[in-house]
Amino acid sequence: MNLNGRVDLLSLQDELVRALELLEGHSGVGEQNKNVHFEVRSLIDASSLLHRCETVALRSKSIGKPKLRVIRHLACSGGTLVSKCLSAMPNVYLLSELNPRTLLHMSGDTPKFTPSDVVTQARYSGVPEVESLSGKIFLESVKLASHHVDQIGGYLVVRSHSHSDYCVDDVKGCSVSEVLRDDFDLSVVTTVRNPIDSFMGLRKNNWLHFCPKTFDEYCKRYEKFIDDQDDSSIFSYEKFIHSPQEVMLGVCEALSLPFDDSFEDTFGAFRVSGDSGRKGDLISERKREVVSDELEKELCRSEGYRRLMKKMANLEI
């Protein structure tokens, strides 16, 4: 390299140092580099500075809108098992079955004991415009939890209670994403299951909270649930049962979470709400319950079922 080339490189490096100073907000970087001998500076230094500039710039872009992970699934579709496995990943903290608008937990005539739940108590007391208040409290609570977990080097995952949005009265859309999307950079993953199995689970648990309580109506709601996925990645419960390592790796990559292949040995130790179906610490296929003659007839005449299965065609259901 001739003298002019070396001078150009030095000039480039000095400009990179000044750019890094501006990005990081530090005043001493330039002084530390002024006394570096001319011959020691090299293209490696320039490359390193470029990388640092890029990293700081990317970090500064994300400061205004922190990243938040969301996982969504309908009830009786294996979501609790997947959520436990997510909780078993390194430094992952999962907030289970959140929904800013649900009233399911308030059923019955007697108010329930919820000492740390401001929204529920506000509903019980008849606070005016409680829906607006509910959204604000939910958002601020998630903000605080997200910041706290981020400060200790962890990853926060919100498990949306999607049953409340899609299978209770009218379809409402994803309440969690709607409340959080303006303040967070959301990464969303959706898990699904064969609707025959999940519908039978709902019926067994007496969770058909919609009208008419038919399989066709359920499939229409399930279709809407998939359509509202916000470009999230979709994974099937059936494939997860047969290839848990592969599917969990895909889920972690989609959510930008660390992956640990030992989750199959540890997921049973994590406590997650909503454990309505499978019990035990083994990931394995379970025998389907007997499909009644009545349901068989519904399957044959359900247009919603045919449309839904077409959407799920590539998911190994």
Protein backbone atom coordinates (compact mmCIF):
# COMPACT_ATOMS: atom_id res chain seq x y z
CA MET A 1 0.00 0.00 0.00
CA ASN A 2 1.38 3.46 -0.90
CA LEU A 3 1.46 6.44 1.45
CA ASN A 4 -1.74 7.95 0.04
CA GLY A 5 -3.56 4.65 0.58
CA ARG A 6 -2.36 4.46 4.17
CA VAL A 7 -3.44 8.04 4.81
CA ASP A 8 -6.89 7.26 3.34
CA LEU A 9 -7.21 4.24 5.64
CA LEU A 10 -6.20 6.31 8.66
CA SER A 11 -8.73 8.95 7.69
CA LEU A 12 -11.44 6.27 7.35
CA GLN A 13 -10.60 4.86 10.76
CA ASP A 14 -10.69 8.29 12.38
CA GLU A 15 -14.13 8.90 10.89
CA LEU A 16 -15.34 5.53 12.14
CA VAL A 17 -14.08 6.33 15.63
CA ARG A 18 -15.93 9.65 15.57
CA ALA A 19 -19.08 7.88 14.34
CA LEU A 20 -18.80 5.35 17.13
CA GLU A 21 -18.40 8.18 19.66
CA LEU A 22 -21.63 9.75 18.44
CA LEU A 23 -23.50 6.43 18.49
CA GLU A 24 -22.34 5.38 21.94
CA GLY A 25 -22.39 8.83 23.47
CA HIS A 26 -18.88 8.44 24.87
CA SER A 27 -16.38 11.26 24.79
CA GLY A 28 -13.12 9.39 25.35
CA VAL A 29 -12.97 7.03 22.39
CA GLY A 30 -11.26 9.47 20.06
CA GLU A 31 -8.57 10.40 22.60
CA GLN A 32 -7.75 6.75 23.17
CA ASN A 33 -7.12 6.27 19.44
CA LYS A 34 -5.12 9.44 18.71
CA ASN A 35 -1.92 8.00 20.13
CA VAL A 36 -2.12 4.68 18.31
CA HIS A 37 0.97 4.31 16.09
CA PHE A 38 0.27 4.77 12.40
CA GLU A 39 1.85 1.42 11.42
CA VAL A 40 -0.34 -0.62 13.83
CA ARG A 41 -3.60 0.50 12.28
CA SER A 42 -4.85 -2.05 9.73
CA LEU A 43 -7.85 -3.13 7.73
CA ILE A 44 -8.77 -5.43 10.64
CA ASP A 45 -9.15 -2.36 12.87
CA ALA A 46 -11.42 -0.74 10.29
CA SER A 47 -13.50 -3.89 9.95
CA SER A 48 -13.86 -4.14 13.73
CA LEU A 49 -14.95 -0.53 14.00
CA LEU A 50 -17.48 -1.01 11.20
CA HIS A 51 -18.92 -3.99 13.05
CA ARG A 52 -19.14 -2.06 16.31
CA CYS A 53 -20.83 0.86 14.54
CA GLU A 54 -23.35 -1.49 12.98
CA THR A 55 -24.06 -3.22 16.29
CA VAL A 56 -24.57 0.02 18.19
CA ALA A 57 -26.75 1.43 15.43
CA LEU A 58 -28.96 -1.66 15.44
CA ARG A 59 -29.20 -1.58 19.22
CA SER A 60 -30.15 2.10 19.20
CA LYS A 61 -32.94 1.38 16.71
CA SER A 62 -34.46 -1.24 19.00
CA ILE A 63 -34.31 0.90 22.16
CA GLY A 64 -37.52 2.75 21.33
CA LYS A 65 -39.50 -0.43 20.68
CA PRO A 66 -38.36 -3.43 22.76
CA LYS A 67 -38.79 -6.95 21.45
CA LEU A 68 -41.55 -9.10 22.92
CA ARG A 69 -42.43 -12.70 22.13
CA VAL A 70 -46.03 -13.94 21.92
CA ILE A 71 -47.30 -17.50 21.55
CA ARG A 72 -50.94 -18.16 20.70
CA HIS A 73 -53.14 -21.22 20.38
CA LEU A 74 -56.72 -22.23 21.05
CA ALA A 75 -57.81 -24.24 24.09
CA CYS A 76 -57.35 -28.03 24.11
CA SER A 77 -54.82 -27.84 21.27
CA GLY A 78 -51.66 -28.82 23.18
CA GLY A 79 -50.58 -25.27 23.92
CA THR A 80 -49.76 -25.88 27.57
CA LEU A 81 -47.28 -28.62 26.71
CA VAL A 82 -45.55 -26.40 24.14
CA SER A 83 -45.54 -23.53 26.66
CA LYS A 84 -43.90 -25.69 29.31
CA CYS A 85 -41.19 -26.64 26.83
CA LEU A 86 -40.65 -22.96 26.03
CA SER A 87 -40.36 -22.21 29.75
CA ALA A 88 -37.60 -24.82 29.94
CA MET A 89 -35.37 -22.87 27.57
CA PRO A 90 -32.47 -20.89 29.10
CA ASN A 91 -33.49 -17.60 30.75
CA VAL A 92 -37.03 -17.73 29.33
CA TYR A 93 -39.90 -16.49 31.51
CA LEU A 94 -43.42 -17.22 30.28
CA LEU A 95 -46.51 -15.29 31.39
CA SER A 96 -49.31 -17.78 30.82
CA GLU A 97 -52.82 -17.20 29.45
CA LEU A 98 -52.91 -13.42 29.41
CA ASN A 99 -55.79 -11.47 27.92
CA PRO A 100 -56.70 -7.85 28.74
CA ARG A 101 -60.41 -8.27 27.96
CA THR A 102 -61.47 -11.72 29.14
CA LEU A 103 -64.30 -12.13 31.65
CA LEU A 104 -64.17 -15.93 31.86
CA HIS A 105 -62.49 -15.90 35.26
CA MET A 106 -65.33 -13.77 36.64
CA SER A 107 -68.09 -16.31 36.10
CA GLY A 108 -70.47 -16.99 38.97
CA ASP A 109 -72.33 -14.74 41.39
CA THR A 110 -69.60 -14.35 44.01
CA PRO A 111 -66.60 -12.08 43.30
CA LYS A 112 -63.37 -14.06 43.38
CA PHE A 113 -60.33 -13.40 45.56
CA THR A 114 -57.80 -11.73 43.22
CA PRO A 115 -55.66 -9.54 45.52
CA SER A 116 -53.10 -8.48 42.89
CA ASP A 117 -55.51 -8.17 39.95
CA VAL A 118 -56.45 -4.49 39.66
CA VAL A 119 -58.43 -4.94 36.42
CA THR A 120 -60.72 -7.64 37.81
CA GLN A 121 -61.42 -5.64 40.96
CA ALA A 122 -62.10 -2.55 38.83
CA ARG A 123 -64.68 -4.58 36.89
CA TYR A 124 -66.29 -5.83 40.09
CA SER A 125 -66.54 -2.29 41.45
CA GLY A 126 -68.08 -0.89 38.27
CA VAL A 127 -65.34 1.61 37.38
CA PRO A 128 -66.51 3.68 34.36
CA GLU A 129 -64.79 3.04 31.01
CA VAL A 130 -63.16 -0.05 32.46
CA GLU A 131 -62.29 -1.48 29.02
CA SER A 132 -60.00 1.46 28.31
CA LEU A 133 -58.52 1.19 31.79
CA SER A 134 -57.99 -2.54 31.33
CA GLY A 135 -55.93 -2.03 28.18
CA LYS A 136 -53.76 0.64 29.82
CA ILE A 137 -53.08 -1.43 32.93
CA PHE A 138 -52.29 -4.49 30.81
CA LEU A 139 -49.87 -2.56 28.61
CA GLU A 140 -48.04 -0.90 31.51
CA SER A 141 -47.80 -4.20 33.40
CA VAL A 142 -46.25 -5.97 30.42
CA LYS A 143 -43.89 -3.02 29.87
CA LEU A 144 -42.63 -3.25 33.45
CA ALA A 145 -42.28 -7.03 33.32
CA SER A 146 -40.50 -6.87 29.97
CA HIS A 147 -38.04 -4.23 31.18
CA HIS A 148 -37.37 -6.13 34.40
CA VAL A 149 -36.68 -9.41 32.61
CA ASP A 150 -34.56 -7.65 30.00
CA GLN A 151 -32.45 -6.02 32.73
CA ILE A 152 -31.58 -9.41 34.23
CA GLY A 153 -30.68 -10.84 30.82
CA GLY A 154 -33.83 -12.89 30.33
CA TYR A 155 -36.46 -13.29 27.62
CA LEU A 156 -40.13 -12.62 28.29
CA VAL A 157 -42.79 -14.64 26.45
CA VAL A 158 -46.49 -13.80 26.65
CA ARG A 159 -48.87 -16.71 26.13
CA SER A 160 -52.09 -15.23 24.80
CA HIS A 161 -55.40 -16.67 26.03
CA SER A 162 -56.77 -16.86 22.50
CA HIS A 163 -59.81 -18.89 23.50
CA SER A 164 -61.26 -15.70 25.01
CA ASP A 165 -60.81 -13.87 21.71
CA TYR A 166 -62.10 -16.49 19.28
CA CYS A 167 -64.29 -18.96 21.16
CA VAL A 168 -66.22 -16.80 23.61
CA ASP A 169 -69.26 -14.97 22.24
CA ASP A 170 -68.28 -12.86 19.19
CA VAL A 171 -64.84 -13.17 17.55
CA LYS A 172 -62.72 -10.23 18.73
CA GLY A 173 -59.32 -10.70 17.10
CA CYS A 174 -56.05 -11.03 19.01
CA SER A 175 -56.46 -8.72 22.03
CA VAL A 176 -52.88 -9.18 23.26
CA SER A 177 -51.32 -8.14 19.94
CA GLU A 178 -53.77 -5.28 19.52
CA VAL A 179 -52.90 -3.76 22.90
CA LEU A 180 -49.13 -4.33 22.66
CA ARG A 181 -48.18 -3.87 19.00
CA ASP A 182 -47.70 -0.08 19.12
CA ASP A 183 -45.20 -0.30 21.98
CA PHE A 184 -43.37 -3.54 21.21
CA ASP A 185 -41.63 -5.20 18.31
CA LEU A 186 -43.72 -8.38 18.43
CA SER A 187 -42.55 -11.81 17.36
CA VAL A 188 -45.55 -14.15 17.21
CA VAL A 189 -45.77 -17.92 16.96
CA THR A 190 -49.02 -19.84 16.51
CA THR A 191 -49.58 -23.51 17.30
CA VAL A 192 -52.53 -25.51 15.95
CA ARG A 193 -54.02 -28.97 16.31
CA ASN A 194 -56.44 -31.09 14.35
CA PRO A 195 -59.80 -29.39 15.05
CA ILE A 196 -61.54 -32.73 15.69
CA ASP A 197 -59.36 -33.37 18.76
CA SER A 198 -59.50 -29.83 20.12
CA PHE A 199 -63.28 -29.62 19.62
CA MET A 200 -63.80 -32.87 21.51
CA GLY A 201 -61.60 -31.49 24.28
CA LEU A 202 -63.69 -28.33 24.50
CA ARG A 203 -66.89 -30.33 24.67
CA LYS A 204 -65.47 -32.65 27.34
CA ASN A 205 -64.46 -29.67 29.50
CA ASN A 206 -67.75 -27.85 28.89
CA TRP A 207 -65.89 -24.97 27.20
CA LEU A 208 -68.13 -24.43 24.18
CA HIS A 209 -68.59 -20.73 24.96
CA PHE A 210 -70.07 -19.82 21.57
CA CYS A 211 -73.32 -20.29 19.68
CA PRO A 212 -74.27 -22.38 17.90
CA LYS A 213 -72.22 -25.02 19.74
CA THR A 214 -71.47 -26.93 16.55
CA PHE A 215 -68.29 -28.30 15.02
CA ASP A 216 -68.85 -26.21 11.90
CA GLU A 217 -69.06 -23.00 13.95
CA TYR A 218 -65.87 -23.95 15.77
CA CYS A 219 -64.05 -24.50 12.46
CA LYS A 220 -65.14 -21.06 11.23
CA ARG A 221 -63.70 -19.50 14.37
CA TYR A 222 -60.52 -21.55 14.06
CA GLU A 223 -60.15 -20.30 10.48
CA LYS A 224 -60.42 -16.71 11.68
CA PHE A 225 -57.81 -17.46 14.37
CA ILE A 226 -55.36 -18.59 11.67
CA ASP A 227 -56.19 -15.67 9.38
CA ASP A 228 -55.34 -13.21 12.19
CA GLN A 229 -51.88 -14.64 12.69
CA ASP A 230 -49.98 -11.37 11.95
CA ASP A 231 -47.43 -13.17 9.76
CA SER A 232 -46.47 -15.43 12.64
CA SER A 233 -44.93 -18.83 12.18
CA ILE A 234 -47.35 -21.74 12.52
CA PHE A 235 -46.42 -25.09 14.03
CA SER A 236 -48.65 -28.13 14.48
CA TYR A 237 -49.08 -30.02 17.73
CA GLU A 238 -49.06 -33.31 15.83
CA LYS A 239 -45.62 -32.66 14.34
CA PHE A 240 -44.37 -31.48 17.74
CA ILE A 241 -45.39 -34.79 19.32
CA HIS A 242 -43.46 -36.78 16.69
CA SER A 243 -40.47 -34.42 16.33
CA PRO A 244 -40.24 -32.29 19.49
CA GLN A 245 -36.59 -31.32 19.01
CA GLU A 246 -37.13 -30.11 15.44
CA VAL A 247 -40.31 -28.18 16.22
CA MET A 248 -39.01 -26.54 19.40
CA LEU A 249 -35.87 -25.46 17.56
CA GLY A 250 -38.12 -23.86 14.93
CA VAL A 251 -40.23 -22.14 17.59
CA CYS A 252 -37.14 -20.79 19.35
CA GLU A 253 -35.67 -19.53 16.09
CA ALA A 254 -38.94 -17.82 15.17
CA LEU A 255 -39.01 -16.09 18.56
CA SER A 256 -35.25 -15.39 18.68
CA LEU A 257 -34.88 -17.44 21.86
CA PRO A 258 -31.95 -19.60 22.99
CA PHE A 259 -32.47 -23.33 22.43
CA ASP A 260 -31.49 -26.14 24.79
CA ASP A 261 -32.14 -29.69 23.62
CA SER A 262 -32.48 -30.95 27.21
CA PHE A 263 -35.99 -29.46 27.49
CA GLU A 264 -37.57 -32.91 27.16
CA ASP A 265 -35.99 -33.85 30.49
CA THR A 266 -36.90 -30.65 32.35
CA PHE A 267 -40.20 -29.24 31.03
CA GLY A 268 -42.25 -31.12 33.64
CA ALA A 269 -40.74 -29.02 36.42
CA PHE A 270 -42.32 -25.80 35.12
CA ARG A 271 -45.71 -24.65 36.35
CA VAL A 272 -48.00 -23.24 33.66
CA SER A 273 -51.72 -22.52 33.93
CA GLY A 274 -54.23 -24.15 31.61
CA ASP A 275 -53.12 -27.75 32.02
CA SER A 276 -56.56 -29.11 31.09
CA GLY A 277 -55.66 -32.19 29.09
CA ARG A 278 -52.51 -34.29 29.05
CA LYS A 279 -50.71 -35.07 32.29
CA GLY A 280 -47.23 -36.46 32.81
CA ASP A 281 -43.69 -35.55 31.81
CA LEU A 282 -43.44 -37.54 28.58
CA ILE A 283 -43.97 -36.09 25.12
CA SER A 284 -45.79 -38.82 23.24
CA GLU A 285 -48.82 -39.44 21.06
CA ARG A 286 -52.08 -40.05 22.89
CA LYS A 287 -54.92 -42.16 21.58
CA ARG A 288 -57.80 -40.12 20.15
CA GLU A 289 -61.11 -40.39 21.96
CA VAL A 290 -63.93 -42.13 20.13
CA VAL A 291 -65.63 -39.84 17.61
CA SER A 292 -69.37 -40.03 18.14
CA ASP A 293 -71.77 -40.79 15.30
CA GLU A 294 -73.21 -37.30 15.69
CA LEU A 295 -69.80 -35.67 15.25
CA GLU A 296 -69.05 -37.94 12.29
CA LYS A 297 -72.15 -36.59 10.57
CA GLU A 298 -71.09 -33.00 11.34
CA LEU A 299 -67.66 -33.67 9.83
CA CYS A 300 -69.22 -34.85 6.60
CA ARG A 301 -71.43 -31.81 6.12
CA SER A 302 -69.14 -29.07 7.55
CA GLU A 303 -67.96 -26.60 4.92
CA GLY A 304 -65.98 -24.78 7.59
CA TYR A 305 -64.05 -27.97 8.34
CA ARG A 306 -63.11 -28.42 4.69
CA ARG A 307 -61.86 -24.83 4.40
CA LEU A 308 -59.91 -25.10 7.63
CA MET A 309 -58.19 -28.33 6.66
CA LYS A 310 -57.20 -26.76 3.35
CA LYS A 311 -55.45 -24.00 5.28
CA MET A 312 -53.73 -26.60 7.46
CA ALA A 313 -52.75 -28.82 4.52
CA ASN A 314 -49.00 -28.16 4.83
CA LEU A 315 -48.78 -28.38 8.63
CA GLU A 316 -48.61 -32.16 9.06
CA ILE A 317 -51.84 -32.27 11.07
